[in-house]
Amino acid sequence: MAEKRGKHTNKTELGDQENHLESSQSTTLTMPPIVNYGSAAAYAIELRKWLFTTQCWAFCHQMATMHSLAYLASCNRPESMISQASLGVPLSSPSTSPPTTNMSNSNQFIQRCTIPSLTRRIFAEIIDSIFAFVAKLFIIYFLVEIGVVDLDKYDRLLGDDADLHMLIDVTQELFPIEMLSKVIVSIVEALFVSYGFGSVPAGQTPGKVALNIEVITCYQVIPIPGSEEVNVVRTLNVPFKNSLLRSLTKNMLINLLFPLSAAAYAFTYNRAGYDIAARTIVVNT
């Protein structure tokens, strides 16, 4: 009996020793190898290498996450919405609008546009001013024919007895005619922008047709990262009251205060002060 118990005890001890040996072997296999760097300087160099590798891995992980989020954001803005907007189809469904755009009007849609340079806008204004000057000549000729303007009394300005006081008097007499001409030119320009005329489509004037630019409504400008294009929340046509406000502000104030009015063009996306007041923007066609 004692021998059996002794044998059983020996077997139990042998089993415990084998289990302990296996666990120690597995622990030895999972432990990282001990490296002798030889000095603290060598250890610091290896530590810096390890930190640099870890930081590179973390940076790559962050960049992958950012690119994934950018891809998901682009999926939420389908290109079909842009193509429909370019054809003038209103996008009234709220599911197709970007999450950052607040479309309060069902007639509003988004169109991808490019902003023209300020030089092209200046050349377009020069061409329009030439047409406006010709229109003013016809207006003055009409006023002379109906007897409102008498050119004979202005002949004294060409004589030797003309002085500064006489010049001021003549200028005061011509000021209402100049204002009337500006109002008529502004109304004609507003009609061009809102409705067009002949071969000139709505949103353009002769100068803008020559430079391939147009005026559209602008309720919000959404920049596109990494692109010169922008998304513009707009309506199909510029309302007449907006275009009239735009043309009157430009002809009465901006052009009258030239060259001080150059500061009116110092807004983002090359928008002038009258563009912001009328909620319009000039884009390429």
Protein backbone atom coordinates (compact mmCIF):
# COMPACT_ATOMS: atom_id res chain seq x y z
CA MET A 1 0.00 0.00 0.00
CA ALA A 2 2.80 2.37 0.92
CA GLU A 3 4.66 1.45 -2.26
CA LYS A 4 1.59 2.29 -4.38
CA ARG A 5 1.22 5.62 -2.66
CA GLY A 6 4.90 6.35 -3.21
CA LYS A 7 4.65 5.47 -6.88
CA HIS A 8 1.56 7.68 -7.23
CA THR A 9 3.33 10.54 -5.52
CA ASN A 10 6.38 10.13 -7.77
CA LYS A 11 4.15 10.14 -10.87
CA THR A 12 2.42 13.31 -9.68
CA GLU A 13 5.74 15.03 -9.05
CA LEU A 14 7.05 13.95 -12.46
CA GLY A 15 3.88 15.30 -14.11
CA ASP A 16 4.23 18.61 -12.32
CA GLN A 17 7.87 18.85 -13.34
CA GLU A 18 6.99 18.13 -16.99
CA ASN A 19 4.23 20.76 -16.96
CA HIS A 20 6.56 23.27 -15.36
CA LEU A 21 9.25 22.47 -17.96
CA GLU A 22 6.79 22.90 -20.84
CA SER A 23 5.52 26.20 -19.45
CA SER A 24 9.06 27.45 -18.95
CA GLN A 25 9.94 26.43 -22.51
CA SER A 26 6.87 28.23 -23.92
CA THR A 27 7.73 31.28 -21.84
CA THR A 28 11.26 31.16 -23.14
CA LEU A 29 10.01 30.96 -26.73
CA THR A 30 7.68 33.97 -26.39
CA MET A 31 10.18 36.24 -24.67
CA PRO A 32 11.97 38.71 -27.00
CA PRO A 33 15.65 38.15 -27.46
CA ILE A 34 17.97 40.10 -25.22
CA VAL A 35 20.33 42.26 -27.23
CA ASN A 36 23.51 43.58 -25.79
CA TYR A 37 24.06 47.03 -27.32
CA GLY A 38 27.38 47.45 -25.61
CA SER A 39 26.85 51.06 -24.57
CA ALA A 40 24.15 53.57 -23.79
CA ALA A 41 24.93 55.55 -26.96
CA ALA A 42 24.33 52.51 -29.17
CA TYR A 43 21.08 51.81 -27.31
CA ALA A 44 19.96 55.42 -27.84
CA ILE A 45 20.67 55.18 -31.58
CA GLU A 46 18.61 51.99 -31.90
CA LEU A 47 15.84 53.55 -29.81
CA ARG A 48 15.68 56.58 -32.12
CA LYS A 49 15.46 54.27 -35.14
CA TRP A 50 12.60 52.39 -33.53
CA LEU A 51 10.77 55.64 -32.66
CA PHE A 52 11.21 56.93 -36.23
CA THR A 53 9.83 53.68 -37.67
CA THR A 54 6.86 53.82 -35.30
CA GLN A 55 6.12 57.44 -36.18
CA CYS A 56 6.28 56.64 -39.90
CA TRP A 57 3.83 53.81 -39.42
CA ALA A 58 1.46 56.07 -37.46
CA PHE A 59 1.70 58.77 -40.16
CA CYS A 60 0.91 56.27 -42.93
CA HIS A 61 -2.04 55.01 -40.92
CA GLN A 62 -3.38 58.55 -40.48
CA MET A 63 -2.95 59.33 -44.19
CA ALA A 64 -4.80 56.16 -45.14
CA THR A 65 -7.64 57.16 -42.83
CA MET A 66 -7.80 60.66 -44.31
CA HIS A 67 -7.87 59.35 -47.88
CA SER A 68 -10.63 56.93 -46.93
CA LEU A 69 -12.71 59.75 -45.45
CA ALA A 70 -12.11 61.90 -48.55
CA TYR A 71 -13.24 59.05 -50.78
CA LEU A 72 -16.39 58.56 -48.71
CA ALA A 73 -17.10 62.29 -48.90
CA SER A 74 -16.74 62.23 -52.69
CA CYS A 75 -19.15 59.31 -52.85
CA ASN A 76 -21.73 61.39 -50.98
CA ARG A 77 -21.52 64.03 -53.74
CA PRO A 78 -22.40 62.22 -56.98
CA GLU A 79 -21.15 63.61 -60.25
CA SER A 80 -24.60 63.17 -61.75
CA MET A 81 -25.74 66.11 -59.67
CA ILE A 82 -23.11 68.31 -61.32
CA SER A 83 -24.00 67.11 -64.82
CA GLN A 84 -27.68 67.75 -64.22
CA ALA A 85 -26.90 71.18 -62.85
CA SER A 86 -24.88 72.07 -65.94
CA LEU A 87 -27.93 71.26 -68.06
CA GLY A 88 -30.10 73.55 -65.95
CA VAL A 89 -32.09 70.80 -64.22
CA PRO A 90 -33.14 71.87 -60.70
CA LEU A 91 -32.16 69.51 -57.94
CA SER A 92 -35.03 69.71 -55.50
CA SER A 93 -34.36 66.42 -53.76
CA PRO A 94 -32.57 67.02 -50.42
CA SER A 95 -30.74 63.69 -50.71
CA THR A 96 -28.69 64.91 -53.68
CA SER A 97 -27.53 68.15 -52.07
CA PRO A 98 -24.22 68.36 -50.25
CA PRO A 99 -24.46 68.25 -46.47
CA THR A 100 -22.86 71.71 -46.18
CA THR A 101 -25.30 73.39 -48.59
CA ASN A 102 -28.54 74.92 -47.41
CA MET A 103 -30.91 75.18 -50.37
CA SER A 104 -33.88 77.16 -49.15
CA ASN A 105 -35.41 77.40 -52.64
CA SER A 106 -36.43 74.41 -54.73
CA ASN A 107 -35.31 76.25 -57.88
CA GLN A 108 -31.72 76.33 -56.68
CA PHE A 109 -29.16 73.88 -57.98
CA ILE A 110 -25.40 73.42 -57.92
CA GLN A 111 -23.16 74.08 -60.90
CA ARG A 112 -19.42 73.55 -61.13
CA CYS A 113 -17.77 76.68 -62.54
CA THR A 114 -14.39 78.32 -63.01
CA ILE A 115 -13.74 81.90 -61.98
CA PRO A 116 -12.36 84.17 -64.74
CA SER A 117 -9.38 86.38 -64.13
CA LEU A 118 -9.79 90.04 -63.28
CA THR A 119 -8.10 90.98 -66.57
CA ARG A 120 -10.83 89.31 -68.63
CA ARG A 121 -13.49 91.12 -66.64
CA ILE A 122 -11.77 94.47 -67.23
CA PHE A 123 -11.58 93.86 -70.99
CA ALA A 124 -15.25 92.89 -71.01
CA GLU A 125 -16.12 96.12 -69.18
CA ILE A 126 -14.11 98.13 -71.71
CA ILE A 127 -16.05 96.58 -74.60
CA ASP A 128 -19.35 97.22 -72.79
CA SER A 129 -18.33 100.83 -72.08
CA ILE A 130 -17.76 101.38 -75.82
CA PHE A 131 -21.29 100.14 -76.56
CA ALA A 132 -22.60 102.29 -73.69
CA PHE A 133 -20.85 105.36 -75.12
CA VAL A 134 -22.45 104.78 -78.51
CA ALA A 135 -25.84 104.38 -76.82
CA LYS A 136 -25.33 107.67 -74.97
CA LEU A 137 -24.57 109.41 -78.26
CA PHE A 138 -27.90 108.19 -79.65
CA ILE A 139 -29.66 109.37 -76.48
CA ILE A 140 -28.11 112.84 -76.75
CA TYR A 141 -28.98 113.00 -80.44
CA PHE A 142 -32.58 112.11 -79.64
CA LEU A 143 -32.75 114.79 -76.93
CA VAL A 144 -31.34 117.36 -79.34
CA GLU A 145 -33.89 116.43 -82.00
CA ILE A 146 -36.84 116.85 -79.64
CA GLY A 147 -35.47 120.17 -78.37
CA VAL A 148 -34.60 119.17 -74.81
CA VAL A 149 -30.91 119.94 -75.32
CA ASP A 150 -29.81 123.10 -77.11
CA LEU A 151 -26.28 122.74 -78.43
CA ASP A 152 -26.02 126.35 -79.53
CA LYS A 153 -25.61 127.66 -75.99
CA TYR A 154 -22.63 125.38 -75.48
CA ASP A 155 -20.74 126.97 -78.36
CA ARG A 156 -19.54 129.71 -76.03
CA LEU A 157 -17.29 127.16 -74.34
CA LEU A 158 -15.23 127.11 -77.52
CA GLY A 159 -14.73 130.88 -77.47
CA ASP A 160 -11.95 132.89 -75.88
CA ASP A 161 -14.24 134.33 -73.21
CA ALA A 162 -14.89 130.91 -71.61
CA ASP A 163 -13.94 130.76 -67.93
CA LEU A 164 -14.21 128.34 -65.03
CA HIS A 165 -17.55 129.71 -63.85
CA MET A 166 -19.08 129.14 -67.28
CA LEU A 167 -17.69 125.60 -67.37
CA ILE A 168 -19.25 124.81 -63.99
CA ASP A 169 -22.63 126.14 -65.14
CA VAL A 170 -22.56 123.99 -68.27
CA THR A 171 -21.52 120.94 -66.25
CA GLN A 172 -24.45 121.44 -63.88
CA GLU A 173 -26.82 121.65 -66.82
CA LEU A 174 -25.43 118.45 -68.36
CA PHE A 175 -25.42 116.47 -65.10
CA PRO A 176 -29.13 115.43 -65.27
CA ILE A 177 -28.63 114.31 -68.87
CA GLU A 178 -25.62 112.23 -67.81
CA MET A 179 -27.62 110.62 -65.00
CA LEU A 180 -30.49 109.89 -67.38
CA SER A 181 -28.07 108.23 -69.79
CA LYS A 182 -26.60 106.10 -66.99
CA VAL A 183 -30.07 104.98 -65.88
CA ILE A 184 -31.04 104.01 -69.44
CA VAL A 185 -27.75 102.14 -69.95
CA SER A 186 -28.24 100.35 -66.61
CA ILE A 187 -31.74 99.24 -67.58
CA VAL A 188 -30.51 97.95 -70.94
CA GLU A 189 -27.66 96.06 -69.25
CA ALA A 190 -30.09 94.56 -66.72
CA LEU A 191 -32.31 93.38 -69.57
CA PHE A 192 -29.30 91.76 -71.24
CA VAL A 193 -28.30 89.96 -68.02
CA SER A 194 -31.80 88.76 -67.14
CA TYR A 195 -33.33 87.99 -70.53
CA GLY A 196 -30.67 88.36 -73.23
CA PHE A 197 -31.22 89.92 -76.63
CA GLY A 198 -30.95 88.38 -80.07
CA SER A 199 -27.85 86.22 -80.30
CA VAL A 200 -26.69 87.34 -76.86
CA PRO A 201 -27.93 84.78 -74.29
CA ALA A 202 -29.21 85.66 -70.84
CA GLY A 203 -26.49 86.43 -68.35
CA GLN A 204 -24.19 88.04 -70.90
CA THR A 205 -23.53 91.40 -72.51
CA PRO A 206 -21.63 91.97 -75.78
CA GLY A 207 -18.36 92.34 -73.87
CA LYS A 208 -18.95 89.19 -71.86
CA VAL A 209 -19.83 87.26 -75.01
CA ALA A 210 -16.51 88.30 -76.54
CA LEU A 211 -14.58 87.17 -73.43
CA ASN A 212 -16.67 83.98 -72.84
CA ILE A 213 -17.87 84.93 -69.37
CA GLU A 214 -21.35 85.27 -67.93
CA VAL A 215 -23.23 86.54 -64.88
CA ILE A 216 -25.15 84.01 -62.78
CA THR A 217 -26.87 84.14 -59.43
CA CYS A 218 -24.79 83.11 -56.45
CA TYR A 219 -26.25 82.13 -53.10
CA GLN A 220 -23.23 80.16 -51.91
CA VAL A 221 -19.76 79.33 -53.20
CA ILE A 222 -18.35 75.94 -52.21
CA PRO A 223 -14.64 75.55 -52.98
CA ILE A 224 -13.40 72.20 -54.31
CA PRO A 225 -10.16 71.11 -52.58
CA GLY A 226 -7.27 70.69 -54.99
CA SER A 227 -9.10 72.28 -57.92
CA GLU A 228 -9.50 75.75 -59.39
CA GLU A 229 -13.20 75.07 -59.93
CA VAL A 230 -15.91 75.88 -57.40
CA ASN A 231 -19.47 74.73 -56.84
CA VAL A 232 -21.96 77.59 -57.03
CA VAL A 233 -25.47 77.37 -55.60
CA ARG A 234 -27.54 79.28 -58.14
CA THR A 235 -30.87 79.59 -59.91
CA LEU A 236 -31.50 79.26 -63.62
CA ASN A 237 -31.66 82.98 -64.48
CA VAL A 238 -30.74 86.22 -62.75
CA PRO A 239 -33.92 88.01 -61.57
CA PHE A 240 -34.43 91.42 -63.14
CA LYS A 241 -34.38 93.23 -59.80
CA ASN A 242 -31.01 91.68 -58.99
CA SER A 243 -29.54 92.55 -62.37
CA LEU A 244 -30.95 96.08 -62.18
CA LEU A 245 -29.45 96.56 -58.72
CA ARG A 246 -26.15 95.25 -60.04
CA SER A 247 -26.04 97.53 -63.10
CA LEU A 248 -27.23 100.64 -61.23
CA THR A 249 -24.66 100.14 -58.48
CA LYS A 250 -21.91 99.60 -61.02
CA ASN A 251 -22.75 102.54 -63.30
CA MET A 252 -23.83 105.03 -60.65
CA LEU A 253 -21.30 104.40 -57.89
CA ILE A 254 -18.42 102.16 -58.96
CA ASN A 255 -17.69 103.78 -62.33
CA LEU A 256 -18.36 107.27 -60.97
CA LEU A 257 -15.69 106.89 -58.26
CA PHE A 258 -12.99 105.47 -60.55
CA PRO A 259 -10.10 104.86 -59.74
CA LEU A 260 -11.06 104.76 -56.05
CA SER A 261 -13.62 102.10 -56.94
CA ALA A 262 -10.83 99.60 -57.68
CA ALA A 263 -11.16 98.49 -54.06
CA ALA A 264 -14.64 97.19 -54.91
CA TYR A 265 -13.02 94.30 -56.78
CA ALA A 266 -10.93 93.12 -53.81
CA PHE A 267 -13.30 90.33 -52.77
CA THR A 268 -12.88 86.57 -52.98
CA TYR A 269 -13.51 84.78 -56.29
CA ASN A 270 -12.99 88.14 -58.09
CA ARG A 271 -16.43 89.31 -57.01
CA ALA A 272 -17.09 93.03 -57.02
CA GLY A 273 -19.08 94.93 -54.43
CA TYR A 274 -22.11 95.12 -56.72
CA ASP A 275 -21.91 91.34 -57.28
CA ILE A 276 -22.20 90.74 -53.55
CA ALA A 277 -25.05 93.26 -53.24
CA ALA A 278 -26.97 91.64 -56.10
CA ARG A 279 -25.98 88.07 -55.10
CA THR A 280 -24.33 87.34 -58.43
CA ILE A 281 -20.97 86.06 -59.61
CA VAL A 282 -19.10 86.16 -62.93
CA VAL A 283 -17.93 82.76 -64.22
CA ASN A 284 -16.54 81.28 -67.41
CA THR A 285 -19.02 79.94 -69.93
